[in-house]
Amino acid sequence: MSERRLVLVVEDNEANQMLARAVLEREGYEVEVAGSPTEARGHLSERVPDLILMDVQLPGQDGLSFTRDLKASAATSEIPIVALTAHAMRGDREVAIRAGCIGYIAKPIDTRTFGEQVREFLEPSHREFDVKRSASA
């Protein structure tokens, strides 16, 4: 039996936290939730997740700024990060990629497809493609 993949959800809205956790746990993932960048740093000091789902709008430090910080640190630079945003507008994906994300998922999440979206972002081929493309952008 394979080890369960760990997803860290950085999201300040409790309803969104509970929904993401419920869907991902039903899909077989282990889920940790952080309500702020400070709380996320605490989780990251204890365990390295397989994927971070990062809300763009966070209290204190916004999610894209926090993503840039994580990508600048040797300890966390290799963790794939996916932006979660309610502001899914033209150009948002490119902004997220420039910040260091491998893509984004629009909120509100679709509970029917969310697990599959996360699974696709965990695929090595997806990460390599986006990392190569973002490096050339």
C-alpha atoms as a PDB file:
ATOM      1  CA  MET A   1       0.000   0.000   0.000  1.00  0.00           C
ATOM      2  CA  SER A   2       1.415   3.392  -0.964  1.00  0.00           C
ATOM      3  CA  GLU A   3       1.947   6.170   1.536  1.00  0.00           C
ATOM      4  CA  ARG A   4      -0.776   8.813   1.685  1.00  0.00           C
ATOM      5  CA  ARG A   5       0.203  12.112   0.067  1.00  0.00           C
ATOM      6  CA  LEU A   6       0.248  15.130   2.382  1.00  0.00           C
ATOM      7  CA  VAL A   7      -1.445  18.329   1.217  1.00  0.00           C
ATOM      8  CA  LEU A   8      -1.080  21.570   3.175  1.00  0.00           C
ATOM      9  CA  VAL A   9      -4.056  23.887   2.634  1.00  0.00           C
ATOM     10  CA  VAL A  10      -3.201  27.518   3.462  1.00  0.00           C
ATOM     11  CA  GLU A  11      -6.633  29.160   3.677  1.00  0.00           C
ATOM     12  CA  ASP A  12      -8.030  31.639   6.194  1.00  0.00           C
ATOM     13  CA  ASN A  13     -11.742  30.953   5.593  1.00  0.00           C
ATOM     14  CA  GLU A  14     -12.921  28.172   7.930  1.00  0.00           C
ATOM     15  CA  ALA A  15     -15.712  26.996   5.623  1.00  0.00           C
ATOM     16  CA  ASN A  16     -13.223  26.678   2.739  1.00  0.00           C
ATOM     17  CA  GLN A  17     -10.781  24.876   5.046  1.00  0.00           C
ATOM     18  CA  MET A  18     -13.413  22.318   6.059  1.00  0.00           C
ATOM     19  CA  LEU A  19     -14.611  21.780   2.491  1.00  0.00           C
ATOM     20  CA  ALA A  20     -11.102  21.305   1.082  1.00  0.00           C
ATOM     21  CA  ARG A  21     -10.188  18.943   3.936  1.00  0.00           C
ATOM     22  CA  ALA A  22     -13.367  16.871   3.515  1.00  0.00           C
ATOM     23  CA  VAL A  23     -12.959  16.480  -0.250  1.00  0.00           C
ATOM     24  CA  LEU A  24      -9.243  15.704  -0.100  1.00  0.00           C
ATOM     25  CA  GLU A  25      -9.529  13.243   2.785  1.00  0.00           C
ATOM     26  CA  ARG A  26     -12.334  11.465   0.921  1.00  0.00           C
ATOM     27  CA  GLU A  27      -9.890  11.197  -2.016  1.00  0.00           C
ATOM     28  CA  GLY A  28      -7.330   9.537   0.266  1.00  0.00           C
ATOM     29  CA  TYR A  29      -5.021  12.457   1.023  1.00  0.00           C
ATOM     30  CA  GLU A  30      -3.653  13.417   4.391  1.00  0.00           C
ATOM     31  CA  VAL A  31      -4.516  17.085   4.957  1.00  0.00           C
ATOM     32  CA  GLU A  32      -3.085  19.763   7.204  1.00  0.00           C
ATOM     33  CA  VAL A  33      -4.675  23.214   7.343  1.00  0.00           C
ATOM     34  CA  ALA A  34      -3.088  26.567   8.136  1.00  0.00           C
ATOM     35  CA  GLY A  35      -5.061  29.789   8.464  1.00  0.00           C
ATOM     36  CA  SER A  36      -2.143  32.147   7.837  1.00  0.00           C
ATOM     37  CA  PRO A  37       1.428  32.208   6.526  1.00  0.00           C
ATOM     38  CA  THR A  38       2.681  32.182  10.121  1.00  0.00           C
ATOM     39  CA  GLU A  39       0.704  29.042  10.899  1.00  0.00           C
ATOM     40  CA  ALA A  40       1.851  27.476   7.615  1.00  0.00           C
ATOM     41  CA  ARG A  41       5.498  28.089   8.544  1.00  0.00           C
ATOM     42  CA  GLY A  42       4.878  26.133  11.753  1.00  0.00           C
ATOM     43  CA  HIS A  43       3.533  23.175   9.766  1.00  0.00           C
ATOM     44  CA  LEU A  44       6.441  23.390   7.316  1.00  0.00           C
ATOM     45  CA  SER A  45       8.987  23.319  10.133  1.00  0.00           C
ATOM     46  CA  GLU A  46       7.584  19.938  11.205  1.00  0.00           C
ATOM     47  CA  ARG A  47       6.754  18.199   7.898  1.00  0.00           C
ATOM     48  CA  VAL A  48       7.255  18.776   4.202  1.00  0.00           C
ATOM     49  CA  PRO A  49       4.002  18.346   2.277  1.00  0.00           C
ATOM     50  CA  ASP A  50       3.741  16.850  -1.197  1.00  0.00           C
ATOM     51  CA  LEU A  51       1.699  19.882  -2.302  1.00  0.00           C
ATOM     52  CA  ILE A  52       0.618  23.256  -0.919  1.00  0.00           C
ATOM     53  CA  LEU A  53      -2.745  24.745  -1.870  1.00  0.00           C
ATOM     54  CA  MET A  54      -2.275  28.478  -1.307  1.00  0.00           C
ATOM     55  CA  ASP A  55      -5.109  30.974  -0.935  1.00  0.00           C
ATOM     56  CA  VAL A  56      -4.122  34.178  -2.702  1.00  0.00           C
ATOM     57  CA  GLN A  57      -5.917  36.464  -0.215  1.00  0.00           C
ATOM     58  CA  LEU A  58      -4.520  35.844   3.278  1.00  0.00           C
ATOM     59  CA  PRO A  59      -4.363  38.034   6.377  1.00  0.00           C
ATOM     60  CA  GLY A  60      -1.020  39.726   6.925  1.00  0.00           C
ATOM     61  CA  GLN A  61       1.025  38.440   4.006  1.00  0.00           C
ATOM     62  CA  ASP A  62      -0.789  37.612   0.758  1.00  0.00           C
ATOM     63  CA  GLY A  63      -0.476  34.116  -0.673  1.00  0.00           C
ATOM     64  CA  LEU A  64       1.619  35.022  -3.716  1.00  0.00           C
ATOM     65  CA  SER A  65       4.131  36.952  -1.611  1.00  0.00           C
ATOM     66  CA  PHE A  66       4.310  33.973   0.764  1.00  0.00           C
ATOM     67  CA  THR A  67       4.803  31.680  -2.242  1.00  0.00           C
ATOM     68  CA  ARG A  68       7.763  33.798  -3.393  1.00  0.00           C
ATOM     69  CA  ASP A  69       9.262  33.510   0.116  1.00  0.00           C
ATOM     70  CA  LEU A  70       8.847  29.723   0.089  1.00  0.00           C
ATOM     71  CA  LYS A  71      10.422  29.435  -3.361  1.00  0.00           C
ATOM     72  CA  ALA A  72      13.389  31.556  -2.210  1.00  0.00           C
ATOM     73  CA  SER A  73      14.152  29.191   0.686  1.00  0.00           C
ATOM     74  CA  ALA A  74      16.225  26.053   0.056  1.00  0.00           C
ATOM     75  CA  ALA A  75      14.113  24.150   2.609  1.00  0.00           C
ATOM     76  CA  THR A  76      10.823  24.746   0.776  1.00  0.00           C
ATOM     77  CA  SER A  77      11.738  25.685  -2.806  1.00  0.00           C
ATOM     78  CA  GLU A  78      10.934  22.238  -4.246  1.00  0.00           C
ATOM     79  CA  ILE A  79       7.408  21.957  -2.813  1.00  0.00           C
ATOM     80  CA  PRO A  80       4.838  22.415  -5.585  1.00  0.00           C
ATOM     81  CA  ILE A  81       2.366  25.192  -4.807  1.00  0.00           C
ATOM     82  CA  VAL A  82      -1.044  25.718  -6.400  1.00  0.00           C
ATOM     83  CA  ALA A  83      -2.817  29.041  -5.962  1.00  0.00           C
ATOM     84  CA  LEU A  84      -6.446  29.026  -4.807  1.00  0.00           C
ATOM     85  CA  THR A  85      -8.238  32.165  -5.891  1.00  0.00           C
ATOM     86  CA  ALA A  86     -11.740  33.532  -6.012  1.00  0.00           C
ATOM     87  CA  HIS A  87     -10.471  36.178  -8.411  1.00  0.00           C
ATOM     88  CA  ALA A  88     -10.035  33.912 -11.441  1.00  0.00           C
ATOM     89  CA  MET A  89      -9.595  36.487 -14.161  1.00  0.00           C
ATOM     90  CA  ARG A  90      -7.606  36.619 -17.372  1.00  0.00           C
ATOM     91  CA  GLY A  91      -3.914  36.768 -16.522  1.00  0.00           C
ATOM     92  CA  ASP A  92      -4.268  35.376 -12.974  1.00  0.00           C
ATOM     93  CA  ARG A  93      -2.651  32.059 -13.933  1.00  0.00           C
ATOM     94  CA  GLU A  94       0.395  33.883 -15.314  1.00  0.00           C
ATOM     95  CA  VAL A  95       0.678  36.019 -12.161  1.00  0.00           C
ATOM     96  CA  ALA A  96       0.531  32.856 -10.022  1.00  0.00           C
ATOM     97  CA  ILE A  97       3.158  31.124 -12.203  1.00  0.00           C
ATOM     98  CA  ARG A  98       5.485  34.123 -11.944  1.00  0.00           C
ATOM     99  CA  ALA A  99       5.145  33.981  -8.144  1.00  0.00           C
ATOM    100  CA  GLY A 100       6.255  30.323  -8.192  1.00  0.00           C
ATOM    101  CA  CYS A 101       2.974  28.403  -8.369  1.00  0.00           C
ATOM    102  CA  ILE A 102       2.576  25.499 -10.781  1.00  0.00           C
ATOM    103  CA  GLY A 103      -0.991  26.568 -11.544  1.00  0.00           C
ATOM    104  CA  TYR A 104      -4.200  27.626  -9.877  1.00  0.00           C
ATOM    105  CA  ILE A 105      -7.635  26.378  -8.933  1.00  0.00           C
ATOM    106  CA  ALA A 106     -10.567  28.797  -8.955  1.00  0.00           C
ATOM    107  CA  LYS A 107     -12.793  29.135  -5.902  1.00  0.00           C
ATOM    108  CA  PRO A 108     -15.362  28.200  -4.987  1.00  0.00           C
ATOM    109  CA  ILE A 109     -13.940  24.743  -5.520  1.00  0.00           C
ATOM    110  CA  ASP A 110     -16.005  22.214  -7.420  1.00  0.00           C
ATOM    111  CA  THR A 111     -16.283  19.258  -5.052  1.00  0.00           C
ATOM    112  CA  ARG A 112     -16.826  16.911  -8.014  1.00  0.00           C
ATOM    113  CA  THR A 113     -13.504  17.773  -9.678  1.00  0.00           C
ATOM    114  CA  PHE A 114     -11.298  19.166  -6.883  1.00  0.00           C
ATOM    115  CA  GLY A 115      -9.700  15.825  -5.976  1.00  0.00           C
ATOM    116  CA  GLU A 116      -8.774  15.150  -9.603  1.00  0.00           C
ATOM    117  CA  GLN A 117      -7.383  18.660 -10.036  1.00  0.00           C
ATOM    118  CA  VAL A 118      -5.132  18.138  -7.020  1.00  0.00           C
ATOM    119  CA  ARG A 119      -4.080  14.690  -8.287  1.00  0.00           C
ATOM    120  CA  GLU A 120      -3.050  16.206 -11.632  1.00  0.00           C
ATOM    121  CA  PHE A 121      -0.873  18.788  -9.888  1.00  0.00           C
ATOM    122  CA  LEU A 122       0.877  15.988  -7.987  1.00  0.00           C
ATOM    123  CA  GLU A 123       1.814  14.179 -11.208  1.00  0.00           C
ATOM    124  CA  PRO A 124       5.568  14.544 -11.845  1.00  0.00           C
ATOM    125  CA  SER A 125       5.018  15.204 -15.546  1.00  0.00           C
ATOM    126  CA  HIS A 126       2.732  18.152 -14.751  1.00  0.00           C
ATOM    127  CA  ARG A 127       5.215  19.707 -12.360  1.00  0.00           C
ATOM    128  CA  GLU A 128       8.156  19.302 -14.734  1.00  0.00           C
ATOM    129  CA  PHE A 129       6.200  20.867 -17.607  1.00  0.00           C
ATOM    130  CA  ASP A 130       5.106  23.907 -15.618  1.00  0.00           C
ATOM    131  CA  VAL A 131       8.501  24.381 -13.954  1.00  0.00           C
ATOM    132  CA  LYS A 132      10.218  24.345 -17.355  1.00  0.00           C
ATOM    133  CA  ARG A 133       7.651  26.699 -18.843  1.00  0.00           C
ATOM    134  CA  SER A 134       7.745  29.133 -15.907  1.00  0.00           C
ATOM    135  CA  ALA A 135      11.560  29.177 -16.012  1.00  0.00           C
ATOM    136  CA  SER A 136      11.459  30.290 -19.633  1.00  0.00           C
ATOM    137  CA  ALA A 137       8.749  32.930 -19.040  1.00  0.00           C
END
